[in-house]
């Protein structure tokens, strides 16, 4: 390496620096090329199909567990009990957004479409426990106890109705048995 290569390297460095500074100056002077937002006050518009935080409408959720089965990293937990009307009652529904990778598989398989991505993307927290979203506000043990009482009451009503039907059947008069026809003798 001689002096000529050394001087070529210096010239190339100056030219590329000047080219970069020209691009920087053009963006700094042109007002329509503004790219900086004053973040807390101004925000980017999120695209229509943006996958933000997950939200579950627990009123339309059928507790089918399809979202739990489809989630590749098990960030969704769901507890449900069978109610008196044989339908599943949601006891708890939690999503750990600290683990969620926002793939959208759970949203795609949800039959009643109660699980959706929102436009939210900012959630600062001091601990990992704050990143778990609880969608059922009532305690799971209270829900289970309430549903168990309802199931027991429904079973008692069904047993009482069965006893009443059996008693009505026993009290009903029996139809007379047909008498056999006399045999003819030849």
C-alpha atoms as a PDB file:
ATOM      1  CA  UNK A   1       0.000   0.000   0.000  1.00  0.00           C
ATOM      2  CA  UNK A   2       1.442   3.199  -1.053  1.00  0.00           C
ATOM      3  CA  UNK A   3       0.770   6.834  -0.751  1.00  0.00           C
ATOM      4  CA  UNK A   4      -1.599   6.757  -3.721  1.00  0.00           C
ATOM      5  CA  UNK A   5      -3.934   4.188  -2.042  1.00  0.00           C
ATOM      6  CA  UNK A   6      -3.846   6.193   1.184  1.00  0.00           C
ATOM      7  CA  UNK A   7      -4.887   9.406  -0.586  1.00  0.00           C
ATOM      8  CA  UNK A   8      -7.649   7.522  -2.521  1.00  0.00           C
ATOM      9  CA  UNK A   9      -9.067   6.266   0.795  1.00  0.00           C
ATOM     10  CA  UNK A  10      -9.125   9.809   2.203  1.00  0.00           C
ATOM     11  CA  UNK A  11     -10.852  11.173  -0.925  1.00  0.00           C
ATOM     12  CA  UNK A  12     -13.442   8.372  -0.850  1.00  0.00           C
ATOM     13  CA  UNK A  13     -14.174   9.066   2.841  1.00  0.00           C
ATOM     14  CA  UNK A  14     -14.676  12.786   2.166  1.00  0.00           C
ATOM     15  CA  UNK A  15     -16.945  12.119  -0.854  1.00  0.00           C
ATOM     16  CA  UNK A  16     -19.185   9.614   0.969  1.00  0.00           C
ATOM     17  CA  UNK A  17     -19.398  11.892   4.010  1.00  0.00           C
ATOM     18  CA  UNK A  18     -20.404  14.824   1.790  1.00  0.00           C
ATOM     19  CA  UNK A  19     -23.040  12.648   0.068  1.00  0.00           C
ATOM     20  CA  UNK A  20     -24.503  11.581   3.413  1.00  0.00           C
ATOM     21  CA  UNK A  21     -24.523  15.139   4.728  1.00  0.00           C
ATOM     22  CA  UNK A  22     -26.307  16.324   1.567  1.00  0.00           C
ATOM     23  CA  UNK A  23     -29.140  13.788   2.184  1.00  0.00           C
ATOM     24  CA  UNK A  24     -29.324  14.790   5.844  1.00  0.00           C
ATOM     25  CA  UNK A  25     -29.467  18.496   4.959  1.00  0.00           C
ATOM     26  CA  UNK A  26     -32.200  17.908   2.394  1.00  0.00           C
ATOM     27  CA  UNK A  27     -34.419  16.131   4.988  1.00  0.00           C
ATOM     28  CA  UNK A  28     -33.641  18.805   7.579  1.00  0.00           C
ATOM     29  CA  UNK A  29     -34.649  21.726   5.357  1.00  0.00           C
ATOM     30  CA  UNK A  30     -37.668  20.338   3.464  1.00  0.00           C
ATOM     31  CA  UNK A  31     -40.805  20.721   5.705  1.00  0.00           C
ATOM     32  CA  UNK A  32     -42.855  18.087   3.860  1.00  0.00           C
ATOM     33  CA  UNK A  33     -40.252  15.449   4.655  1.00  0.00           C
ATOM     34  CA  UNK A  34     -40.856  15.699   8.390  1.00  0.00           C
ATOM     35  CA  UNK A  35     -40.485  12.291  10.021  1.00  0.00           C
ATOM     36  CA  UNK A  36     -40.226  13.148  13.702  1.00  0.00           C
ATOM     37  CA  UNK A  37     -43.360  13.123  15.829  1.00  0.00           C
ATOM     38  CA  UNK A  38     -43.664  14.676  19.259  1.00  0.00           C
ATOM     39  CA  UNK A  39     -44.558  11.266  20.636  1.00  0.00           C
ATOM     40  CA  UNK A  40     -46.789  11.564  23.656  1.00  0.00           C
ATOM     41  CA  UNK A  41     -48.911  14.262  22.036  1.00  0.00           C
ATOM     42  CA  UNK A  42     -48.766  12.964  18.448  1.00  0.00           C
ATOM     43  CA  UNK A  43     -49.004   9.347  17.344  1.00  0.00           C
ATOM     44  CA  UNK A  44     -48.701   7.472  14.097  1.00  0.00           C
ATOM     45  CA  UNK A  45     -51.957   6.191  12.631  1.00  0.00           C
ATOM     46  CA  UNK A  46     -51.890   2.427  12.950  1.00  0.00           C
ATOM     47  CA  UNK A  47     -52.639   0.439   9.778  1.00  0.00           C
ATOM     48  CA  UNK A  48     -56.049  -1.196   9.404  1.00  0.00           C
ATOM     49  CA  UNK A  49     -54.784  -4.753   9.920  1.00  0.00           C
ATOM     50  CA  UNK A  50     -52.400  -3.867  12.757  1.00  0.00           C
ATOM     51  CA  UNK A  51     -52.053  -6.583  15.383  1.00  0.00           C
ATOM     52  CA  UNK A  52     -52.023  -4.805  18.714  1.00  0.00           C
ATOM     53  CA  UNK A  53     -53.052  -6.064  22.128  1.00  0.00           C
ATOM     54  CA  UNK A  54     -55.668  -8.792  22.303  1.00  0.00           C
ATOM     55  CA  UNK A  55     -59.183  -8.154  23.628  1.00  0.00           C
ATOM     56  CA  UNK A  56     -61.786 -10.796  24.435  1.00  0.00           C
ATOM     57  CA  UNK A  57     -65.462  -9.893  24.662  1.00  0.00           C
ATOM     58  CA  UNK A  58     -66.421 -12.264  27.479  1.00  0.00           C
ATOM     59  CA  UNK A  59     -70.134 -11.754  26.828  1.00  0.00           C
ATOM     60  CA  UNK A  60     -69.899 -13.470  23.431  1.00  0.00           C
ATOM     61  CA  UNK A  61     -67.129 -15.960  24.322  1.00  0.00           C
ATOM     62  CA  UNK A  62     -68.399 -19.567  24.291  1.00  0.00           C
ATOM     63  CA  UNK A  63     -65.437 -21.038  26.240  1.00  0.00           C
ATOM     64  CA  UNK A  64     -64.631 -23.407  23.388  1.00  0.00           C
ATOM     65  CA  UNK A  65     -60.854 -23.328  24.161  1.00  0.00           C
ATOM     66  CA  UNK A  66     -59.948 -23.108  20.466  1.00  0.00           C
ATOM     67  CA  UNK A  67     -57.801 -20.024  21.130  1.00  0.00           C
ATOM     68  CA  UNK A  68     -55.920 -21.827  23.904  1.00  0.00           C
ATOM     69  CA  UNK A  69     -55.244 -24.803  21.642  1.00  0.00           C
ATOM     70  CA  UNK A  70     -54.114 -22.621  18.717  1.00  0.00           C
ATOM     71  CA  UNK A  71     -51.703 -20.448  20.713  1.00  0.00           C
ATOM     72  CA  UNK A  72     -48.165 -21.694  19.978  1.00  0.00           C
ATOM     73  CA  UNK A  73     -46.650 -20.249  23.160  1.00  0.00           C
ATOM     74  CA  UNK A  74     -49.475 -20.842  25.670  1.00  0.00           C
ATOM     75  CA  UNK A  75     -50.006 -17.223  26.663  1.00  0.00           C
ATOM     76  CA  UNK A  76     -53.795 -17.655  26.950  1.00  0.00           C
ATOM     77  CA  UNK A  77     -55.348 -19.361  29.975  1.00  0.00           C
ATOM     78  CA  UNK A  78     -59.034 -20.130  30.232  1.00  0.00           C
ATOM     79  CA  UNK A  79     -61.130 -21.766  32.938  1.00  0.00           C
ATOM     80  CA  UNK A  80     -64.740 -22.730  32.347  1.00  0.00           C
ATOM     81  CA  UNK A  81     -67.377 -24.824  34.101  1.00  0.00           C
ATOM     82  CA  UNK A  82     -70.490 -26.450  32.695  1.00  0.00           C
ATOM     83  CA  UNK A  83     -73.609 -24.595  33.779  1.00  0.00           C
ATOM     84  CA  UNK A  84     -77.131 -25.765  34.535  1.00  0.00           C
ATOM     85  CA  UNK A  85     -78.181 -25.273  30.911  1.00  0.00           C
ATOM     86  CA  UNK A  86     -75.299 -27.514  29.743  1.00  0.00           C
ATOM     87  CA  UNK A  87     -73.420 -24.505  28.308  1.00  0.00           C
ATOM     88  CA  UNK A  88     -69.915 -23.588  29.386  1.00  0.00           C
ATOM     89  CA  UNK A  89     -69.618 -20.625  31.778  1.00  0.00           C
ATOM     90  CA  UNK A  90     -66.374 -18.643  31.642  1.00  0.00           C
ATOM     91  CA  UNK A  91     -64.717 -18.562  35.077  1.00  0.00           C
ATOM     92  CA  UNK A  92     -61.457 -16.852  34.092  1.00  0.00           C
ATOM     93  CA  UNK A  93     -59.815 -15.664  30.889  1.00  0.00           C
ATOM     94  CA  UNK A  94     -56.268 -14.290  31.040  1.00  0.00           C
ATOM     95  CA  UNK A  95     -53.753 -13.302  28.354  1.00  0.00           C
ATOM     96  CA  UNK A  96     -50.087 -12.782  29.168  1.00  0.00           C
ATOM     97  CA  UNK A  97     -49.121 -10.068  26.680  1.00  0.00           C
ATOM     98  CA  UNK A  98     -45.525 -10.240  27.878  1.00  0.00           C
ATOM     99  CA  UNK A  99     -45.288 -13.653  26.211  1.00  0.00           C
ATOM    100  CA  UNK A 100     -47.652 -13.042  23.286  1.00  0.00           C
ATOM    101  CA  UNK A 101     -45.997 -12.732  19.870  1.00  0.00           C
ATOM    102  CA  UNK A 102     -49.139 -11.278  18.211  1.00  0.00           C
ATOM    103  CA  UNK A 103     -49.285 -13.953  15.517  1.00  0.00           C
ATOM    104  CA  UNK A 104     -53.083 -13.807  15.255  1.00  0.00           C
ATOM    105  CA  UNK A 105     -53.687 -17.578  15.234  1.00  0.00           C
ATOM    106  CA  UNK A 106     -56.026 -17.344  18.215  1.00  0.00           C
ATOM    107  CA  UNK A 107     -58.068 -14.607  16.525  1.00  0.00           C
ATOM    108  CA  UNK A 108     -58.432 -16.652  13.334  1.00  0.00           C
ATOM    109  CA  UNK A 109     -59.797 -19.787  15.056  1.00  0.00           C
ATOM    110  CA  UNK A 110     -62.243 -18.041  17.416  1.00  0.00           C
ATOM    111  CA  UNK A 111     -65.717 -19.270  16.279  1.00  0.00           C
ATOM    112  CA  UNK A 112     -67.833 -16.440  17.757  1.00  0.00           C
ATOM    113  CA  UNK A 113     -65.129 -13.874  16.850  1.00  0.00           C
ATOM    114  CA  UNK A 114     -65.055 -12.575  20.415  1.00  0.00           C
ATOM    115  CA  UNK A 115     -61.234 -12.394  20.422  1.00  0.00           C
ATOM    116  CA  UNK A 116     -59.805  -9.454  18.478  1.00  0.00           C
ATOM    117  CA  UNK A 117     -56.608  -7.469  18.023  1.00  0.00           C
ATOM    118  CA  UNK A 118     -56.884  -3.850  19.106  1.00  0.00           C
ATOM    119  CA  UNK A 119     -54.901  -0.825  17.989  1.00  0.00           C
ATOM    120  CA  UNK A 120     -53.135  -0.560  21.358  1.00  0.00           C
ATOM    121  CA  UNK A 121     -49.398  -0.997  21.400  1.00  0.00           C
ATOM    122  CA  UNK A 122     -48.041   0.832  24.431  1.00  0.00           C
ATOM    123  CA  UNK A 123     -48.077  -0.669  27.891  1.00  0.00           C
ATOM    124  CA  UNK A 124     -45.126   0.172  30.069  1.00  0.00           C
ATOM    125  CA  UNK A 125     -44.935  -1.728  33.331  1.00  0.00           C
ATOM    126  CA  UNK A 126     -42.592  -2.195  36.232  1.00  0.00           C
ATOM    127  CA  UNK A 127     -43.240  -5.906  36.701  1.00  0.00           C
ATOM    128  CA  UNK A 128     -44.215  -8.904  34.639  1.00  0.00           C
ATOM    129  CA  UNK A 129     -47.412  -9.392  36.622  1.00  0.00           C
ATOM    130  CA  UNK A 130     -48.804  -6.178  35.148  1.00  0.00           C
ATOM    131  CA  UNK A 131     -48.566  -7.682  31.659  1.00  0.00           C
ATOM    132  CA  UNK A 132     -51.279 -10.253  32.366  1.00  0.00           C
ATOM    133  CA  UNK A 133     -54.671  -9.042  31.172  1.00  0.00           C
ATOM    134  CA  UNK A 134     -57.653 -10.373  33.173  1.00  0.00           C
ATOM    135  CA  UNK A 135     -60.905 -10.229  31.216  1.00  0.00           C
ATOM    136  CA  UNK A 136     -63.248 -11.763  33.808  1.00  0.00           C
ATOM    137  CA  UNK A 137     -63.419  -9.327  36.708  1.00  0.00           C
ATOM    138  CA  UNK A 138     -65.141 -11.680  39.153  1.00  0.00           C
ATOM    139  CA  UNK A 139     -63.131 -14.237  41.127  1.00  0.00           C
ATOM    140  CA  UNK A 140     -63.038 -17.704  39.512  1.00  0.00           C
ATOM    141  CA  UNK A 141     -63.872 -19.482  42.802  1.00  0.00           C
ATOM    142  CA  UNK A 142     -66.999 -17.342  43.258  1.00  0.00           C
ATOM    143  CA  UNK A 143     -68.144 -18.100  39.714  1.00  0.00           C
ATOM    144  CA  UNK A 144     -67.567 -21.825  40.175  1.00  0.00           C
ATOM    145  CA  UNK A 145     -69.501 -21.815  43.472  1.00  0.00           C
ATOM    146  CA  UNK A 146     -72.399 -19.877  41.933  1.00  0.00           C
ATOM    147  CA  UNK A 147     -72.588 -22.237  38.933  1.00  0.00           C
ATOM    148  CA  UNK A 148     -72.400 -25.285  41.226  1.00  0.00           C
ATOM    149  CA  UNK A 149     -75.379 -23.927  43.220  1.00  0.00           C
ATOM    150  CA  UNK A 150     -77.323 -23.350  39.999  1.00  0.00           C
ATOM    151  CA  UNK A 151     -76.547 -26.883  38.781  1.00  0.00           C
ATOM    152  CA  UNK A 152     -77.626 -28.344  42.137  1.00  0.00           C
ATOM    153  CA  UNK A 153     -80.884 -26.337  42.071  1.00  0.00           C
ATOM    154  CA  UNK A 154     -81.602 -27.469  38.510  1.00  0.00           C
ATOM    155  CA  UNK A 155     -80.912 -31.082  39.454  1.00  0.00           C
ATOM    156  CA  UNK A 156     -83.249 -30.788  42.472  1.00  0.00           C
ATOM    157  CA  UNK A 157     -86.007 -29.315  40.269  1.00  0.00           C
ATOM    158  CA  UNK A 158     -85.538 -32.093  37.713  1.00  0.00           C
ATOM    159  CA  UNK A 159     -85.687 -34.758  40.437  1.00  0.00           C
ATOM    160  CA  UNK A 160     -88.839 -33.162  41.896  1.00  0.00           C
ATOM    161  CA  UNK A 161     -90.453 -33.057  38.452  1.00  0.00           C
ATOM    162  CA  UNK A 162     -89.556 -36.716  37.894  1.00  0.00           C
ATOM    163  CA  UNK A 163     -91.099 -37.691  41.269  1.00  0.00           C
ATOM    164  CA  UNK A 164     -94.247 -35.700  40.451  1.00  0.00           C
ATOM    165  CA  UNK A 165     -94.517 -37.411  37.063  1.00  0.00           C
ATOM    166  CA  UNK A 166     -94.030 -40.812  38.690  1.00  0.00           C
ATOM    167  CA  UNK A 167     -96.701 -40.031  41.312  1.00  0.00           C
ATOM    168  CA  UNK A 168     -99.123 -38.851  38.618  1.00  0.00           C
ATOM    169  CA  UNK A 169     -98.482 -42.022  36.692  1.00  0.00           C
ATOM    170  CA  UNK A 170     -99.141 -44.171  39.777  1.00  0.00           C
ATOM    171  CA  UNK A 171    -102.391 -42.341  40.612  1.00  0.00           C
ATOM    172  CA  UNK A 172    -103.808 -42.527  37.123  1.00  0.00           C
ATOM    173  CA  UNK A 173    -106.483 -45.250  36.820  1.00  0.00           C
ATOM    174  CA  UNK A 174    -105.326 -48.256  34.931  1.00  0.00           C
ATOM    175  CA  UNK A 175    -107.391 -49.153  31.919  1.00  0.00           C
ATOM    176  CA  UNK A 176    -109.220 -52.446  32.313  1.00  0.00           C
ATOM    177  CA  UNK A 177    -107.500 -55.373  30.796  1.00  0.00           C
ATOM    178  CA  UNK A 178    -109.314 -56.801  27.811  1.00  0.00           C
ATOM    179  CA  UNK A 179    -111.052 -60.073  28.560  1.00  0.00           C
ATOM    180  CA  UNK A 180    -110.139 -62.907  26.304  1.00  0.00           C
ATOM    181  CA  UNK A 181    -112.786 -63.956  23.856  1.00  0.00           C
ATOM    182  CA  UNK A 182    -114.498 -67.240  24.691  1.00  0.00           C
ATOM    183  CA  UNK A 183    -113.297 -70.159  22.695  1.00  0.00           C
ATOM    184  CA  UNK A 184    -115.760 -71.810  20.310  1.00  0.00           C
ATOM    185  CA  UNK A 185    -116.243 -75.494  20.657  1.00  0.00           C
ATOM    186  CA  UNK A 186    -117.121 -77.588  17.736  1.00  0.00           C
END
